[in-house]
Amino acid sequence: MHKDKYEAIETALKFQYGGMLKSELEFLYDFCIDKKVLELGSMVGMSSYVIAHVAKEIHCVDAWDDDFDHLEHDQGQVDTYKGDWLKQDAPPNMLESFKQNCKEFLDSGKMKMTQGWTQDVAHLFSEESFDVLFIDADHSRIGVTRDIIKYYHTIKTDAPIIFHDYDCVTWPGVTQAIVDSLDRGFIKPMPGQWTLVPQHFGQRQPASSELPPTAKANRSTTPGRFAIFQKTR
C-alpha cells in the first residue's frame, strides 16, 4: 500500500539538501506510480525517497562526492553546490545521508544504488529496462547531453525522460542540452504534458530567450522546473 503522499513528501523535505520543491515532489509521486525508474543524480535522496514509495522499483546513480570532483569541468556548478552544502549547520556526508534516508527501500530491495560518475557506469544497465529516465545529475550542457546519449538505451521508444531545472537561470546548461537534443531528434514533446510541471500541462514551452521580458521575469522566480519529453528512437 502506498504511504500517504503528503506524509512521504513532508518526510523528504526534512532532508533539507536536495533542491526539490514540495510541488515537484508531489508531481514525482503521482507520475512514477508502478513505474521502473532510473534516477541520475540522487544526492541525499529527497526525490528518491518519494519515488520509492510508489514506483515498482527505482535505481539511483550518483557520484555521492562531497568534494564534487566529478564536476570539475564546470566551476560554477561546483561553487553553487558547495555554497549550498556549507550553508548547512553541519554538512552531512552525502553518501551516508542517502543510505540513512532511504534505508527502508534499500533494505527491502525496492531501491538499488550505483555509485560512480554517470558516464562511467551507464554500461551496467540493460536495454529498455526502465519505464522512466529521470535526469538530474551534472547540470552542464555537456553533462546533460552525455547523460541523454549514454542512458538512451535504458528506456523504450516513447518512454518519458524527465529533466529537472529546465529554464532555470542558475542552470542554463540543462535547457541548452534539451534544445540540442530536440534539434537532433533524440527527444520529442510528450503529448498531454507541458515541459514545465507541475505548474502547467500541455505542449513544449519556448526557452527563456524566446519569451518577452515580463514572462521571463515571472518564470525565473520559481527555482527548479521539470521538463518531460519522450525518447524518439
Protein backbone atom coordinates (compact mmCIF):
# COMPACT_ATOMS: atom_id res chain seq x y z
CA MET A 1 0.00 0.00 0.00
CA HIS A 2 1.34 3.41 -0.91
CA LYS A 3 2.35 5.61 2.01
CA ASP A 4 0.27 8.76 2.24
CA LYS A 5 1.62 11.21 -0.33
CA TYR A 6 1.89 14.18 1.98
CA GLU A 7 3.47 12.18 4.79
CA ALA A 8 6.15 10.91 2.40
CA ILE A 9 6.79 14.37 1.00
CA GLU A 10 6.95 16.09 4.38
CA THR A 11 9.48 13.50 5.50
CA ALA A 12 11.59 14.03 2.36
CA LEU A 13 11.57 17.81 2.77
CA LYS A 14 13.21 17.36 6.16
CA PHE A 15 16.27 16.01 4.35
CA GLN A 16 16.82 19.72 3.54
CA TYR A 17 19.56 19.33 0.97
CA GLY A 18 18.03 18.14 -2.29
CA GLY A 19 16.86 21.02 -4.44
CA MET A 20 13.24 19.90 -4.78
CA LEU A 21 10.13 21.95 -4.22
CA LYS A 22 7.11 20.43 -2.49
CA SER A 23 5.06 20.72 -5.68
CA GLU A 24 7.79 18.92 -7.64
CA LEU A 25 7.84 16.03 -5.19
CA GLU A 26 4.06 15.81 -5.48
CA PHE A 27 4.41 15.52 -9.24
CA LEU A 28 7.04 12.78 -9.00
CA TYR A 29 4.88 10.83 -6.55
CA ASP A 30 1.95 10.84 -8.98
CA PHE A 31 3.94 10.34 -12.18
CA CYS A 32 6.04 7.36 -11.02
CA ILE A 33 3.30 5.10 -9.66
CA ASP A 34 4.06 1.46 -10.60
CA LYS A 35 6.96 2.52 -12.84
CA LYS A 36 10.53 1.23 -13.02
CA VAL A 37 12.55 4.43 -12.60
CA LEU A 38 16.21 5.16 -13.30
CA GLU A 39 17.30 8.30 -11.46
CA LEU A 40 20.56 10.03 -12.37
CA GLY A 41 21.55 12.34 -9.55
CA SER A 42 20.12 11.48 -6.13
CA MET A 43 22.22 13.43 -3.62
CA VAL A 44 20.75 12.77 -0.14
CA GLY A 45 17.68 11.01 -1.54
CA MET A 46 14.92 13.62 -1.40
CA SER A 47 13.32 12.69 -4.74
CA SER A 48 14.48 9.06 -4.49
CA TYR A 49 12.63 8.58 -1.22
CA VAL A 50 9.36 9.96 -2.59
CA ILE A 51 9.55 7.98 -5.84
CA ALA A 52 10.34 4.78 -3.96
CA HIS A 53 7.02 4.93 -2.13
CA VAL A 54 5.04 4.40 -5.33
CA ALA A 55 7.39 3.07 -8.01
CA LYS A 56 7.68 -0.59 -8.88
CA GLU A 57 11.41 -0.09 -8.35
CA ILE A 58 13.97 2.69 -8.52
CA HIS A 59 17.67 2.55 -9.34
CA CYS A 60 19.71 5.57 -8.20
CA VAL A 61 23.01 6.62 -9.76
CA ASP A 62 25.20 9.29 -8.19
CA ALA A 63 28.86 10.06 -7.50
CA TRP A 64 27.98 10.92 -3.88
CA ASP A 65 31.13 13.01 -3.80
CA ASP A 66 31.19 15.73 -1.14
CA ASP A 67 34.06 17.45 -2.95
CA PHE A 68 32.17 17.48 -6.28
CA ASP A 69 35.30 16.44 -8.17
CA HIS A 70 33.12 14.93 -10.91
CA LEU A 71 32.02 18.47 -11.80
CA GLU A 72 35.49 19.97 -12.13
CA HIS A 73 34.76 20.87 -15.78
CA ASP A 74 32.15 23.39 -14.56
CA GLN A 75 33.45 25.52 -11.67
CA GLY A 76 30.22 27.50 -11.44
CA GLN A 77 28.32 24.32 -10.71
CA VAL A 78 30.85 23.29 -8.06
CA ASP A 79 30.65 26.70 -6.39
CA THR A 80 26.84 26.59 -6.32
CA TYR A 81 26.68 23.13 -4.78
CA LYS A 82 29.43 23.78 -2.27
CA GLY A 83 27.82 27.07 -1.30
CA ASP A 84 24.52 25.34 -0.57
CA TRP A 85 26.29 22.48 1.20
CA LEU A 86 28.21 24.78 3.52
CA LYS A 87 25.04 26.64 4.47
CA GLN A 88 24.05 23.57 6.46
CA ASP A 89 24.76 23.81 10.20
CA ALA A 90 26.61 20.50 9.98
CA PRO A 91 27.06 19.40 6.36
CA PRO A 92 26.40 15.67 6.34
CA ASN A 93 28.26 13.02 4.41
CA MET A 94 26.21 12.78 1.23
CA LEU A 95 26.53 9.03 0.72
CA GLU A 96 25.79 8.14 4.32
CA SER A 97 22.88 10.57 4.37
CA PHE A 98 21.41 8.93 1.29
CA LYS A 99 21.76 5.46 2.80
CA GLN A 100 20.16 6.56 6.06
CA ASN A 101 17.31 8.47 4.42
CA CYS A 102 16.44 5.63 2.05
CA LYS A 103 17.32 2.70 4.31
CA GLU A 104 13.89 1.08 4.30
CA PHE A 105 13.83 0.87 0.50
CA LEU A 106 17.45 -0.21 0.15
CA ASP A 107 16.90 -2.95 2.74
CA SER A 108 13.76 -4.19 1.00
CA GLY A 109 15.44 -4.28 -2.41
CA LYS A 110 12.90 -1.91 -3.94
CA MET A 111 15.69 0.66 -4.34
CA LYS A 112 19.11 -0.08 -5.77
CA MET A 113 22.08 2.25 -5.94
CA THR A 114 25.17 2.53 -8.12
CA GLN A 115 27.94 4.88 -7.04
CA GLY A 116 30.04 6.42 -9.80
CA TRP A 117 30.18 9.12 -12.42
CA THR A 118 27.14 8.67 -14.61
CA GLN A 119 29.16 8.45 -17.83
CA ASP A 120 31.28 5.64 -16.38
CA VAL A 121 28.51 3.31 -15.22
CA ALA A 122 25.90 3.55 -18.00
CA HIS A 123 27.08 0.26 -19.49
CA LEU A 124 25.88 -1.57 -16.37
CA PHE A 125 22.23 -1.07 -17.35
CA SER A 126 20.36 -3.28 -19.80
CA GLU A 127 18.46 -2.26 -22.92
CA GLU A 128 14.92 -0.99 -22.33
CA SER A 129 14.96 -1.99 -18.66
CA PHE A 130 13.23 1.12 -17.26
CA ASP A 131 9.91 2.90 -17.79
CA VAL A 132 11.14 6.37 -16.81
CA LEU A 133 14.53 8.08 -17.04
CA PHE A 134 14.94 10.99 -14.60
CA ILE A 135 17.98 13.17 -15.35
CA ASP A 136 19.13 15.43 -12.50
CA ALA A 137 22.89 14.88 -12.26
CA ASP A 138 25.58 17.05 -13.92
CA HIS A 139 23.70 20.23 -14.91
CA SER A 140 26.19 21.45 -17.52
CA ARG A 141 25.31 21.37 -21.21
CA ILE A 142 27.86 18.66 -21.90
CA GLY A 143 26.84 16.70 -18.79
CA VAL A 144 23.11 16.59 -19.56
CA THR A 145 23.78 15.80 -23.23
CA ARG A 146 26.12 13.00 -22.23
CA ASP A 147 23.54 11.51 -19.87
CA ILE A 148 20.86 11.57 -22.58
CA ILE A 149 23.15 9.73 -25.00
CA LYS A 150 24.69 7.31 -22.50
CA TYR A 151 21.36 6.24 -20.99
CA TYR A 152 19.25 6.41 -24.12
CA HIS A 153 19.31 2.61 -24.39
CA THR A 154 17.82 2.07 -20.93
CA ILE A 155 14.26 3.04 -21.91
CA LYS A 156 11.90 2.10 -24.72
CA THR A 157 10.90 4.32 -27.64
CA ASP A 158 8.30 6.89 -26.50
CA ALA A 159 9.23 6.37 -22.83
CA PRO A 160 9.34 9.59 -20.77
CA ILE A 161 12.57 11.39 -19.90
CA ILE A 162 12.17 13.84 -17.03
CA PHE A 163 14.64 16.72 -16.70
CA HIS A 164 14.95 18.85 -13.58
CA ASP A 165 15.90 22.55 -13.62
CA TYR A 166 14.69 23.33 -17.13
CA ASP A 167 14.67 27.07 -17.90
CA CYS A 168 16.34 27.82 -14.57
CA VAL A 169 18.70 30.81 -14.62
CA THR A 170 21.15 29.01 -12.33
CA TRP A 171 21.45 26.03 -14.67
CA PRO A 172 21.35 27.19 -18.32
CA GLY A 173 23.13 24.04 -19.46
CA VAL A 174 20.02 21.95 -18.86
CA THR A 175 17.88 23.96 -21.28
CA GLN A 176 20.72 24.14 -23.80
CA ALA A 177 21.12 20.36 -23.78
CA ILE A 178 17.36 19.83 -24.17
CA VAL A 179 17.17 22.20 -27.12
CA ASP A 180 20.19 20.47 -28.70
CA SER A 181 18.53 17.07 -28.27
CA LEU A 182 15.25 18.31 -29.74
CA ASP A 183 17.10 19.69 -32.75
CA ARG A 184 18.96 16.39 -33.21
CA GLY A 185 15.74 14.40 -32.97
CA PHE A 186 16.69 12.43 -29.86
CA ILE A 187 13.63 13.59 -27.91
CA LYS A 188 10.19 15.00 -28.64
CA PRO A 189 7.48 16.75 -26.60
CA MET A 190 5.35 14.36 -24.58
CA PRO A 191 1.65 14.58 -25.56
CA GLY A 192 -0.53 15.95 -22.81
CA GLN A 193 2.35 17.42 -20.80
CA TRP A 194 3.84 20.86 -20.63
CA THR A 195 7.58 20.83 -20.25
CA LEU A 196 7.12 22.89 -17.11
CA VAL A 197 5.33 20.86 -14.48
CA PRO A 198 3.55 20.73 -12.11
CA GLN A 199 2.76 24.39 -12.87
CA HIS A 200 1.39 23.62 -16.35
CA PHE A 201 0.24 20.87 -18.68
CA GLY A 202 0.22 20.97 -22.48
CA GLN A 203 2.94 21.18 -25.14
CA ARG A 204 6.55 22.33 -25.24
CA GLN A 205 7.27 25.83 -23.96
CA PRO A 206 9.87 28.13 -25.52
CA ALA A 207 13.18 28.75 -23.79
CA SER A 208 13.56 31.95 -21.77
CA SER A 209 15.38 33.70 -24.60
CA GLU A 210 12.26 33.38 -26.74
CA LEU A 211 9.92 34.96 -24.18
CA PRO A 212 9.06 38.61 -23.57
CA PRO A 213 10.77 40.23 -20.55
CA THR A 214 7.71 40.03 -18.28
CA ALA A 215 7.27 36.34 -18.95
CA LYS A 216 10.96 35.67 -18.36
CA ALA A 217 10.80 37.51 -15.06
CA ASN A 218 7.74 35.57 -13.92
CA ARG A 219 9.16 32.19 -14.88
CA SER A 220 12.63 32.74 -13.47
CA THR A 221 11.24 33.37 -9.97
CA THR A 222 10.48 29.68 -9.49
CA PRO A 223 13.68 27.66 -9.00
CA GLY A 224 13.72 24.08 -10.18
CA ARG A 225 11.47 23.19 -13.11
CA PHE A 226 10.62 19.91 -14.78
CA ALA A 227 10.66 19.24 -18.49
CA ILE A 228 9.18 16.00 -19.81
CA PHE A 229 9.98 14.61 -23.23
CA GLN A 230 9.92 11.24 -24.93
CA LYS A 231 12.59 9.09 -26.49
CA THR A 232 12.14 9.06 -30.28
CA ARG A 233 14.17 6.06 -31.42
